[in-house]
Amino acid sequence: MHLRVIVCLTACLAGGTSLAAPAPSIPLVTTKPVKVTAAAARGPIFNAKSAVKDDGPDGPTTDVSLARSKDGKMESGLYRAGPSEQDIASYPEDEFMFFIEGSVTLTSADGSVLVVHAGEGAAIPKGWKGHWSTPGYKKYYVTYESGEAK
């Protein structure tokens, strides 16, 4: 499942360019700060040339990567997803996400439920098991690809 901003405000602010519609093509490993305006994050940035669209298990999605660490372990960006219901056997990475629009309900394998709405953030550890349910959302994300899940 592809799910990708306290850290984003520093890490994804990694080209001196404002990302308003249409956004310029930005190298994933950046050397200067990148600004994403609130207006761009609400929609226009998802039409950028660098946006990757997919229609997989997350429903219709658009991923806009802003920065990636040189070692490829950390990535930040914005992500838009349509409605989806998925069982997660093992979450693939550590992720912090801050929702701009929409919501997600995360039901852990032990039955505990976490509902996250627009204006709220959540962190999911690599290896998390549970159920992901959403009517759709837009979010900032920061992921970290560590070693084995604990």
N, C-alpha and C. Protein backbone atom coordinates (compact mmCIF):
# COMPACT_ATOMS: atom_id res chain seq x y z
N MET A 1 0.85 -1.17 0.00
CA MET A 1 0.00 0.00 0.00
C MET A 1 0.88 1.23 0.00
N HIS A 2 0.58 2.10 -0.88
CA HIS A 2 1.39 3.30 -0.96
C HIS A 2 0.76 4.40 -0.10
N LEU A 3 1.36 4.68 1.02
CA LEU A 3 0.88 5.73 1.90
C LEU A 3 2.07 6.58 2.34
N ARG A 4 2.27 7.62 1.91
CA ARG A 4 3.45 8.38 2.27
C ARG A 4 3.10 9.52 3.22
N VAL A 5 3.67 17.29 9.20
CA VAL A 5 4.77 17.19 8.44
C VAL A 5 5.60 18.00 9.31
N ILE A 6 5.79 17.68 10.54
CA ILE A 6 6.77 18.47 11.25
C ILE A 6 8.07 18.34 10.49
N VAL A 7 8.49 17.13 10.17
CA VAL A 7 9.71 16.89 9.43
C VAL A 7 9.58 17.43 8.02
N CYS A 8 8.39 17.34 7.42
CA CYS A 8 8.19 17.81 6.06
C CYS A 8 8.46 19.30 5.95
N LEU A 9 8.15 20.04 7.00
CA LEU A 9 8.38 21.47 6.95
C LEU A 9 9.86 21.80 6.89
N THR A 10 10.69 20.85 7.28
CA THR A 10 12.13 21.06 7.11
C THR A 10 12.67 20.22 5.97
N ALA A 11 12.26 18.96 5.90
CA ALA A 11 12.81 18.07 4.88
C ALA A 11 12.24 18.32 3.51
N CYS A 12 10.90 18.49 3.39
CA CYS A 12 10.36 18.72 2.06
C CYS A 12 10.53 20.16 1.65
N LEU A 13 10.91 20.98 2.59
CA LEU A 13 11.33 22.31 2.20
C LEU A 13 12.81 22.20 1.89
N ALA A 14 13.08 21.27 1.06
CA ALA A 14 14.47 20.94 0.76
C ALA A 14 14.81 21.45 -0.61
N GLY A 15 14.53 23.90 -3.10
CA GLY A 15 14.76 24.50 -4.28
C GLY A 15 14.41 25.94 -4.29
N GLY A 16 14.08 26.77 -3.23
CA GLY A 16 13.83 28.16 -3.35
C GLY A 16 12.68 28.47 -4.29
N THR A 17 11.91 27.49 -4.70
CA THR A 17 10.85 27.66 -5.66
C THR A 17 9.51 27.47 -4.98
N SER A 18 8.52 28.28 -5.34
CA SER A 18 7.18 28.09 -4.83
C SER A 18 6.45 27.13 -5.75
N LEU A 19 5.79 26.12 -5.15
CA LEU A 19 5.10 25.12 -5.95
C LEU A 19 3.63 25.50 -6.10
N ALA A 20 3.34 26.44 -6.94
CA ALA A 20 1.97 26.78 -7.29
C ALA A 20 1.71 26.18 -8.66
N ALA A 21 0.48 26.10 -9.06
CA ALA A 21 0.15 25.44 -10.35
C ALA A 21 0.61 26.27 -11.52
N PRO A 22 1.17 25.68 -12.56
CA PRO A 22 1.73 24.34 -12.51
C PRO A 22 3.10 24.36 -11.86
N ALA A 23 3.42 23.33 -11.12
CA ALA A 23 4.69 23.27 -10.40
C ALA A 23 5.83 22.92 -11.35
N PRO A 24 6.99 23.51 -11.11
CA PRO A 24 8.13 23.16 -11.94
C PRO A 24 8.61 21.76 -11.58
N SER A 25 9.35 21.15 -12.51
CA SER A 25 9.93 19.84 -12.24
C SER A 25 11.07 20.03 -11.25
N ILE A 26 11.05 19.27 -10.17
CA ILE A 26 12.02 19.43 -9.09
C ILE A 26 12.77 18.13 -8.89
N PRO A 27 14.10 18.18 -8.85
CA PRO A 27 14.84 16.95 -8.57
C PRO A 27 14.49 16.45 -7.18
N LEU A 28 14.43 15.14 -7.02
CA LEU A 28 14.04 14.59 -5.73
C LEU A 28 15.07 14.86 -4.65
N VAL A 29 16.35 14.86 -5.00
CA VAL A 29 17.38 15.23 -4.03
C VAL A 29 17.64 16.70 -4.28
N THR A 30 17.16 17.55 -3.38
CA THR A 30 17.27 18.99 -3.59
C THR A 30 18.39 19.58 -2.76
N THR A 31 18.82 20.76 -3.16
CA THR A 31 19.89 21.44 -2.44
C THR A 31 19.43 22.78 -1.89
N LYS A 32 18.18 23.17 -2.20
CA LYS A 32 17.63 24.44 -1.71
C LYS A 32 16.21 24.20 -1.21
N PRO A 33 15.70 25.09 -0.36
CA PRO A 33 14.33 24.94 0.13
C PRO A 33 13.29 25.01 -0.99
N VAL A 34 12.20 24.30 -0.79
CA VAL A 34 11.06 24.29 -1.71
C VAL A 34 9.84 24.72 -0.91
N LYS A 35 9.08 25.65 -1.44
CA LYS A 35 7.87 26.11 -0.75
C LYS A 35 6.64 25.54 -1.44
N VAL A 36 5.71 25.03 -0.64
CA VAL A 36 4.42 24.58 -1.14
C VAL A 36 3.39 25.50 -0.50
N THR A 37 2.68 26.28 -1.31
CA THR A 37 1.66 27.17 -0.75
C THR A 37 0.44 26.36 -0.35
N ALA A 38 -0.35 26.90 0.57
CA ALA A 38 -1.58 26.23 0.99
C ALA A 38 -2.52 26.05 -0.21
N ALA A 39 -2.59 27.06 -1.06
CA ALA A 39 -3.45 26.97 -2.24
C ALA A 39 -3.00 25.86 -3.18
N ALA A 40 -1.70 25.73 -3.39
CA ALA A 40 -1.18 24.68 -4.27
C ALA A 40 -1.44 23.30 -3.68
N ALA A 41 -1.28 23.16 -2.36
CA ALA A 41 -1.47 21.87 -1.70
C ALA A 41 -2.93 21.41 -1.76
N ARG A 42 -3.86 22.34 -1.86
CA ARG A 42 -5.28 21.98 -1.94
C ARG A 42 -5.65 21.40 -3.30
N GLY A 43 -4.79 21.52 -4.30
CA GLY A 43 -5.16 20.93 -5.58
C GLY A 43 -4.19 21.08 -6.73
N PRO A 44 -3.77 22.30 -7.06
CA PRO A 44 -2.97 22.48 -8.27
C PRO A 44 -1.66 21.68 -8.31
N ILE A 45 -1.04 21.45 -7.18
CA ILE A 45 0.23 20.71 -7.19
C ILE A 45 0.05 19.29 -7.73
N PHE A 46 -1.16 18.75 -7.61
CA PHE A 46 -1.43 17.39 -8.08
C PHE A 46 -1.52 17.31 -9.60
N ASN A 47 -1.45 18.46 -10.26
CA ASN A 47 -1.42 18.50 -11.72
C ASN A 47 -0.03 18.80 -12.26
N ALA A 48 0.96 18.85 -11.37
CA ALA A 48 2.34 19.13 -11.77
C ALA A 48 2.86 18.04 -12.70
N LYS A 49 3.80 18.39 -13.56
CA LYS A 49 4.41 17.41 -14.47
C LYS A 49 5.05 16.26 -13.70
N SER A 50 5.53 16.54 -12.50
CA SER A 50 6.21 15.51 -11.71
C SER A 50 5.22 14.60 -10.96
N ALA A 51 3.93 14.90 -10.99
CA ALA A 51 2.93 14.10 -10.28
C ALA A 51 2.80 12.72 -10.92
N VAL A 52 2.76 11.69 -10.08
CA VAL A 52 2.63 10.31 -10.55
C VAL A 52 1.22 9.84 -10.21
N LYS A 53 0.45 9.51 -11.24
CA LYS A 53 -0.93 9.06 -11.05
C LYS A 53 -0.99 7.55 -11.19
N ASP A 54 -1.87 6.93 -10.38
CA ASP A 54 -2.01 5.48 -10.38
C ASP A 54 -3.47 5.13 -10.06
N ASP A 55 -3.87 3.94 -10.41
CA ASP A 55 -5.21 3.46 -10.09
C ASP A 55 -5.09 2.06 -9.53
N GLY A 56 -4.40 1.95 -8.39
CA GLY A 56 -4.14 0.66 -7.77
C GLY A 56 -5.04 0.41 -6.57
N PRO A 57 -4.54 -0.36 -5.60
CA PRO A 57 -5.35 -0.74 -4.44
C PRO A 57 -5.76 0.44 -3.56
N ASP A 58 -5.07 1.58 -3.67
CA ASP A 58 -5.43 2.79 -2.91
C ASP A 58 -6.54 3.55 -3.61
N GLY A 59 -7.11 3.01 -4.68
CA GLY A 59 -8.06 3.76 -5.49
C GLY A 59 -7.25 4.67 -6.40
N PRO A 60 -7.90 5.67 -6.99
CA PRO A 60 -7.14 6.61 -7.82
C PRO A 60 -6.23 7.46 -6.92
N THR A 61 -4.94 7.50 -7.25
CA THR A 61 -3.99 8.25 -6.42
C THR A 61 -3.12 9.17 -7.27
N THR A 62 -2.57 10.18 -6.60
CA THR A 62 -1.56 11.06 -7.20
C THR A 62 -0.50 11.31 -6.15
N ASP A 63 0.76 11.08 -6.50
CA ASP A 63 1.88 11.26 -5.59
C ASP A 63 2.80 12.34 -6.16
N VAL A 64 3.10 13.34 -5.35
CA VAL A 64 4.01 14.41 -5.75
C VAL A 64 5.18 14.40 -4.77
N SER A 65 6.28 13.78 -5.16
CA SER A 65 7.46 13.75 -4.32
C SER A 65 8.15 15.10 -4.37
N LEU A 66 8.56 15.58 -3.20
CA LEU A 66 9.24 16.88 -3.12
C LEU A 66 10.72 16.74 -2.87
N ALA A 67 11.09 15.79 -2.03
CA ALA A 67 12.50 15.62 -1.70
C ALA A 67 12.75 14.19 -1.27
N ARG A 68 13.94 13.72 -1.56
CA ARG A 68 14.38 12.39 -1.13
C ARG A 68 15.81 12.53 -0.65
N SER A 69 16.13 11.86 0.44
CA SER A 69 17.50 11.93 0.95
C SER A 69 18.44 11.25 -0.04
N LYS A 70 19.71 11.62 0.02
CA LYS A 70 20.70 11.07 -0.91
C LYS A 70 20.81 9.56 -0.81
N ASP A 71 20.57 9.02 0.39
CA ASP A 71 20.64 7.56 0.54
C ASP A 71 19.32 6.88 0.16
N GLY A 72 18.30 7.67 -0.19
CA GLY A 72 17.03 7.13 -0.63
C GLY A 72 16.12 6.60 0.46
N LYS A 73 16.51 6.77 1.73
CA LYS A 73 15.71 6.22 2.82
C LYS A 73 14.58 7.14 3.27
N MET A 74 14.72 8.45 3.11
CA MET A 74 13.71 9.40 3.53
C MET A 74 13.12 10.07 2.29
N GLU A 75 11.79 10.19 2.27
CA GLU A 75 11.12 10.89 1.18
C GLU A 75 9.99 11.72 1.75
N SER A 76 9.70 12.85 1.11
CA SER A 76 8.58 13.68 1.54
C SER A 76 7.84 14.18 0.31
N GLY A 77 6.58 14.50 0.52
CA GLY A 77 5.78 15.00 -0.58
C GLY A 77 4.33 15.15 -0.20
N LEU A 78 3.49 15.19 -1.22
CA LEU A 78 2.04 15.25 -1.04
C LEU A 78 1.42 14.08 -1.76
N TYR A 79 0.28 13.62 -1.24
CA TYR A 79 -0.36 12.43 -1.77
C TYR A 79 -1.87 12.64 -1.74
N ARG A 80 -2.53 12.24 -2.82
CA ARG A 80 -3.98 12.32 -2.89
C ARG A 80 -4.50 10.93 -3.23
N ALA A 81 -5.51 10.48 -2.48
CA ALA A 81 -6.09 9.16 -2.72
C ALA A 81 -7.60 9.23 -2.70
N GLY A 82 -8.20 8.35 -3.47
CA GLY A 82 -9.65 8.22 -3.49
C GLY A 82 -10.10 7.24 -2.42
N PRO A 83 -11.37 6.89 -2.44
CA PRO A 83 -11.91 5.95 -1.45
C PRO A 83 -11.21 4.59 -1.55
N SER A 84 -10.94 3.98 -0.39
CA SER A 84 -10.37 2.64 -0.38
C SER A 84 -10.56 1.97 0.96
N GLU A 85 -10.55 0.66 0.93
CA GLU A 85 -10.60 -0.22 2.10
C GLU A 85 -9.52 -1.25 1.88
N GLN A 86 -8.58 -1.36 2.83
CA GLN A 86 -7.49 -2.33 2.65
C GLN A 86 -7.08 -2.94 3.97
N ASP A 87 -6.83 -4.24 3.93
CA ASP A 87 -6.18 -4.90 5.04
C ASP A 87 -4.69 -4.78 4.82
N ILE A 88 -3.97 -4.41 5.86
CA ILE A 88 -2.52 -4.20 5.77
C ILE A 88 -1.83 -5.31 6.57
N ALA A 89 -1.11 -6.18 5.87
CA ALA A 89 -0.40 -7.28 6.54
C ALA A 89 0.85 -6.77 7.24
N SER A 90 1.53 -5.78 6.64
CA SER A 90 2.73 -5.20 7.23
C SER A 90 3.02 -3.89 6.52
N TYR A 91 2.85 -2.75 7.23
CA TYR A 91 3.08 -1.44 6.63
C TYR A 91 4.53 -1.36 6.16
N PRO A 92 4.78 -0.90 4.94
CA PRO A 92 6.10 -1.03 4.33
C PRO A 92 7.19 -0.08 4.82
N GLU A 93 6.82 0.97 5.57
CA GLU A 93 7.82 1.97 5.97
C GLU A 93 7.31 2.72 7.19
N ASP A 94 8.18 3.48 7.84
CA ASP A 94 7.76 4.40 8.89
C ASP A 94 7.23 5.63 8.18
N GLU A 95 6.08 6.15 8.63
CA GLU A 95 5.50 7.30 7.94
C GLU A 95 4.84 8.26 8.92
N PHE A 96 5.10 9.55 8.71
CA PHE A 96 4.33 10.60 9.36
C PHE A 96 3.50 11.26 8.27
N MET A 97 2.23 11.50 8.56
CA MET A 97 1.35 12.13 7.59
C MET A 97 0.52 13.20 8.27
N PHE A 98 0.27 14.28 7.53
CA PHE A 98 -0.58 15.37 8.01
C PHE A 98 -1.66 15.59 6.96
N PHE A 99 -2.92 15.41 7.35
CA PHE A 99 -4.03 15.46 6.41
C PHE A 99 -4.49 16.89 6.13
N ILE A 100 -4.58 17.21 4.85
CA ILE A 100 -5.04 18.52 4.38
C ILE A 100 -6.55 18.48 4.18
N GLU A 101 -7.02 17.38 3.61
CA GLU A 101 -8.45 17.16 3.37
C GLU A 101 -8.76 15.70 3.63
N GLY A 102 -10.03 15.41 3.93
CA GLY A 102 -10.48 14.03 4.08
C GLY A 102 -10.12 13.44 5.43
N SER A 103 -10.15 12.12 5.48
CA SER A 103 -9.87 11.41 6.73
C SER A 103 -9.49 9.97 6.43
N VAL A 104 -8.99 9.31 7.48
CA VAL A 104 -8.67 7.89 7.41
C VAL A 104 -9.00 7.26 8.75
N THR A 105 -9.47 6.04 8.71
CA THR A 105 -9.70 5.27 9.93
C THR A 105 -8.72 4.10 9.91
N LEU A 106 -7.89 4.02 10.95
CA LEU A 106 -6.87 2.97 11.07
C LEU A 106 -7.28 2.05 12.20
N THR A 107 -7.58 0.82 11.87
CA THR A 107 -7.96 -0.17 12.88
C THR A 107 -6.81 -1.16 13.01
N SER A 108 -6.14 -1.12 14.16
CA SER A 108 -4.99 -2.00 14.40
C SER A 108 -5.44 -3.43 14.61
N ALA A 109 -4.51 -4.36 14.44
CA ALA A 109 -4.80 -5.78 14.58
C ALA A 109 -5.38 -6.11 15.96
N ASP A 110 -5.05 -5.32 16.98
CA ASP A 110 -5.57 -5.56 18.33
C ASP A 110 -6.98 -4.99 18.52
N GLY A 111 -7.54 -4.37 17.46
CA GLY A 111 -8.90 -3.82 17.53
C GLY A 111 -8.98 -2.35 17.87
N SER A 112 -7.86 -1.73 18.28
CA SER A 112 -7.90 -0.29 18.58
C SER A 112 -8.10 0.50 17.29
N VAL A 113 -8.85 1.61 17.41
CA VAL A 113 -9.21 2.41 16.24
C VAL A 113 -8.70 3.83 16.40
N LEU A 114 -8.09 4.34 15.34
CA LEU A 114 -7.60 5.72 15.30
C LEU A 114 -8.23 6.39 14.08
N VAL A 115 -8.97 7.47 14.30
CA VAL A 115 -9.57 8.23 13.20
C VAL A 115 -8.80 9.54 13.09
N VAL A 116 -8.30 9.84 11.89
CA VAL A 116 -7.52 11.04 11.66
C VAL A 116 -8.24 11.89 10.61
N HIS A 117 -8.50 13.16 10.96
CA HIS A 117 -9.23 14.08 10.09
C HIS A 117 -8.31 15.15 9.53
N ALA A 118 -8.81 15.92 8.57
CA ALA A 118 -8.07 17.07 8.02
C ALA A 118 -7.64 17.97 9.18
N GLY A 119 -6.41 18.45 9.11
CA GLY A 119 -5.86 19.29 10.16
C GLY A 119 -5.18 18.50 11.27
N GLU A 120 -5.15 17.17 11.14
CA GLU A 120 -4.51 16.31 12.14
C GLU A 120 -3.42 15.48 11.49
N GLY A 121 -2.50 15.03 12.31
CA GLY A 121 -1.41 14.19 11.83
C GLY A 121 -1.43 12.84 12.51
N ALA A 122 -0.72 11.89 11.92
CA ALA A 122 -0.59 10.56 12.49
C ALA A 122 0.75 9.97 12.07
N ALA A 123 1.24 9.06 12.89
CA ALA A 123 2.46 8.34 12.56
C ALA A 123 2.14 6.85 12.55
N ILE A 124 2.65 6.15 11.55
CA ILE A 124 2.46 4.70 11.45
C ILE A 124 3.84 4.07 11.40
N PRO A 125 4.11 3.11 12.30
CA PRO A 125 5.41 2.46 12.27
C PRO A 125 5.49 1.37 11.21
N LYS A 126 6.67 1.17 10.69
CA LYS A 126 6.90 0.07 9.75
C LYS A 126 6.48 -1.23 10.44
N GLY A 127 5.79 -2.08 9.69
CA GLY A 127 5.35 -3.35 10.24
C GLY A 127 3.96 -3.33 10.83
N TRP A 128 3.33 -2.13 10.94
CA TRP A 128 1.96 -2.05 11.48
C TRP A 128 1.03 -2.97 10.73
N LYS A 129 0.15 -3.64 11.47
CA LYS A 129 -0.83 -4.54 10.89
C LYS A 129 -2.22 -4.02 11.24
N GLY A 130 -3.11 -4.00 10.26
CA GLY A 130 -4.46 -3.55 10.55
C GLY A 130 -5.26 -3.31 9.29
N HIS A 131 -6.27 -2.44 9.42
CA HIS A 131 -7.17 -2.13 8.31
C HIS A 131 -7.18 -0.62 8.09
N TRP A 132 -7.07 -0.21 6.84
CA TRP A 132 -7.05 1.19 6.41
C TRP A 132 -8.36 1.45 5.67
N SER A 133 -9.12 2.44 6.12
CA SER A 133 -10.39 2.78 5.49
C SER A 133 -10.46 4.30 5.30
N THR A 134 -10.81 4.73 4.08
CA THR A 134 -10.89 6.17 3.82
C THR A 134 -11.92 6.48 2.75
N PRO A 135 -12.61 7.63 2.90
CA PRO A 135 -13.47 8.12 1.83
C PRO A 135 -12.67 8.90 0.79
N GLY A 136 -11.36 9.08 1.07
CA GLY A 136 -10.46 9.86 0.23
C GLY A 136 -9.78 10.93 1.07
N TYR A 137 -8.62 11.40 0.61
CA TYR A 137 -7.86 12.40 1.37
C TYR A 137 -6.76 13.02 0.53
N LYS A 138 -6.20 14.12 1.07
CA LYS A 138 -4.96 14.73 0.60
C LYS A 138 -4.10 14.88 1.84
N LYS A 139 -2.80 14.59 1.69
CA LYS A 139 -1.91 14.68 2.85
C LYS A 139 -0.50 15.07 2.44
N TYR A 140 0.22 15.64 3.40
CA TYR A 140 1.67 15.75 3.34
C TYR A 140 2.18 14.46 3.95
N TYR A 141 3.32 13.98 3.47
CA TYR A 141 3.89 12.78 4.07
C TYR A 141 5.40 12.90 4.17
N VAL A 142 5.92 12.16 5.13
CA VAL A 142 7.37 11.93 5.26
C VAL A 142 7.50 10.45 5.58
N THR A 143 8.26 9.74 4.75
CA THR A 143 8.48 8.32 4.99
C THR A 143 9.97 8.07 5.25
N TYR A 144 10.21 7.03 6.01
CA TYR A 144 11.58 6.60 6.27
C TYR A 144 11.63 5.09 6.09
N GLU A 145 12.50 4.64 5.23
CA GLU A 145 12.67 3.22 4.96
C GLU A 145 13.82 2.71 5.81
N SER A 146 13.47 2.15 6.96
CA SER A 146 14.49 1.62 7.87
C SER A 146 14.81 0.17 7.52
N GLY A 147 15.53 -0.47 8.40
CA GLY A 147 15.81 -1.89 8.23
C GLY A 147 14.58 -2.71 8.53
N GLU A 148 14.76 -3.85 9.13
CA GLU A 148 13.66 -4.76 9.44
C GLU A 148 12.69 -4.14 10.44
N ALA A 149 11.40 -4.47 10.30
CA ALA A 149 10.39 -4.02 11.24
C ALA A 149 10.62 -4.71 12.58
N LYS A 150 10.35 -3.97 13.65
CA LYS A 150 10.56 -4.53 15.01
C LYS A 150 9.29 -5.11 15.53
